[in-house]
Structure formats: structure tokens, C-alpha cells
């Protein structure tokens, strides 16, 4: 007679593990998208400030005083997003 090999418990555990990894990747993706949205808003704000600057003195103020603050914020967000992407347990094809 043939022997029945139970695989349900192992298969369910494997699927739960993959589901957890996908949920974590989804949360990371949402956080990245929110950060990207903030970066776009910051860039738009900086460009509008440059456009609205009155004269060369106003433009120099925007470029030297306001843009560096936006650049620091963008660099921090980029490093955080890159760190999350490298540590993601989800591999393509899952």
C-alpha cells in the first residue's frame, strides 16, 4: 500500500513566512512612496521659491539658504529608502 505523506503543516508554515515577508515589503514600499512624495513636494517648493525670487540677491538667498535644507532632507530620505531596500527579505519572483 501507498503511504500518505502529510505536507499541509509545512506548506502552510512556508506560505505564512512568505506572506509575512510580502507584508513587510509592502510596508517598506508604502513608506518609500510617502518619502518620495515628500521629496517631490520639497523639490517643487524649492523651484517655486527660485522662480518667485526677486532679483539676483533673492535667488542667491534661495540657493544658499533654502536649497541646502531641502538637500539634507532628500539625502536622509534616500539613505533610509536604500537601507530598507537592501534589507528586504522579499526576492523577485515570490
Protein backbone atom coordinates (compact mmCIF):
# COMPACT_ATOMS: atom_id res chain seq x y z
CA UNK A 1 0.00 0.00 0.00
CA UNK A 2 1.00 3.58 -0.59
CA UNK A 3 1.91 5.85 2.28
CA UNK A 4 0.28 9.26 2.61
CA UNK A 5 2.81 11.98 3.35
CA UNK A 6 1.32 14.94 5.23
CA UNK A 7 2.63 18.20 3.83
CA UNK A 8 -0.10 20.63 4.83
CA UNK A 9 1.57 21.85 8.05
CA UNK A 10 4.89 22.54 6.34
CA UNK A 11 3.23 24.17 3.32
CA UNK A 12 1.09 26.45 5.49
CA UNK A 13 4.13 27.47 7.55
CA UNK A 14 6.05 28.26 4.36
CA UNK A 15 3.15 30.31 2.97
CA UNK A 16 2.79 32.23 6.23
CA UNK A 17 6.51 33.02 6.16
CA UNK A 18 6.25 34.30 2.59
CA UNK A 19 3.13 36.31 3.45
CA UNK A 20 4.97 37.96 6.33
CA UNK A 21 7.86 38.88 4.04
CA UNK A 22 5.49 40.30 1.44
CA UNK A 23 3.61 42.33 4.05
CA UNK A 24 6.89 43.78 5.32
CA UNK A 25 7.98 44.63 1.78
CA UNK A 26 4.61 46.26 1.18
CA UNK A 27 5.03 48.42 4.29
CA UNK A 28 8.52 49.41 3.10
CA UNK A 29 7.15 50.29 -0.33
CA UNK A 30 4.42 52.45 1.18
CA UNK A 31 6.99 54.22 3.39
CA UNK A 32 9.23 54.77 0.35
CA UNK A 33 6.31 56.16 -1.66
CA UNK A 34 5.44 58.56 1.14
CA UNK A 35 9.07 59.67 1.30
CA UNK A 36 9.15 60.09 -2.47
CA UNK A 37 6.03 62.22 -2.29
CA UNK A 38 7.70 64.39 0.33
CA UNK A 39 10.82 64.68 -1.80
CA UNK A 40 8.80 65.77 -4.83
CA UNK A 41 6.97 68.35 -2.72
CA UNK A 42 10.30 69.65 -1.39
CA UNK A 43 11.75 69.93 -4.90
CA UNK A 44 8.67 71.72 -6.18
CA UNK A 45 8.80 74.11 -3.25
CA UNK A 46 12.47 74.88 -3.93
CA UNK A 47 11.84 75.50 -7.63
CA UNK A 48 8.87 77.75 -6.88
CA UNK A 49 10.99 79.70 -4.39
CA UNK A 50 13.65 80.19 -7.08
CA UNK A 51 11.06 81.31 -9.63
CA UNK A 52 9.49 83.74 -7.18
CA UNK A 53 12.84 85.19 -6.05
CA UNK A 54 13.13 88.90 -6.71
CA UNK A 55 16.41 89.72 -8.40
CA UNK A 56 19.77 88.05 -8.15
CA UNK A 57 20.03 88.67 -4.39
CA UNK A 58 16.77 86.85 -3.77
CA UNK A 59 17.85 83.95 -5.98
CA UNK A 60 21.21 83.70 -4.22
CA UNK A 61 19.40 83.61 -0.87
CA UNK A 62 17.16 80.78 -2.06
CA UNK A 63 20.07 78.78 -3.48
CA UNK A 64 22.37 79.24 -0.48
CA UNK A 65 19.89 79.27 2.40
CA UNK A 66 16.79 77.30 1.41
CA UNK A 67 18.03 74.64 -1.02
CA UNK A 68 20.70 73.16 1.30
CA UNK A 69 17.98 72.43 3.87
CA UNK A 70 15.92 70.59 1.24
CA UNK A 71 19.04 68.73 0.06
CA UNK A 72 19.80 67.44 3.57
CA UNK A 73 16.24 66.15 3.90
CA UNK A 74 16.36 64.44 0.49
CA UNK A 75 19.71 62.77 1.22
CA UNK A 76 18.43 61.39 4.55
CA UNK A 77 15.29 60.01 2.91
CA UNK A 78 17.33 58.46 0.10
CA UNK A 79 19.69 56.71 2.53
CA UNK A 80 16.76 55.38 4.56
CA UNK A 81 14.98 54.06 1.47
CA UNK A 82 18.18 52.43 0.16
CA UNK A 83 18.80 50.77 3.54
CA UNK A 84 15.25 49.38 3.63
CA UNK A 85 15.51 48.08 0.05
CA UNK A 86 18.79 46.25 0.79
CA UNK A 87 17.43 44.60 3.91
CA UNK A 88 14.13 43.48 2.36
CA UNK A 89 13.68 39.71 2.68
CA UNK A 90 11.49 39.52 -0.41
CA UNK A 91 13.14 38.31 -3.56
CA UNK A 92 11.81 38.83 -7.07
CA UNK A 93 9.56 36.01 -8.12
CA UNK A 94 7.99 35.37 -4.73
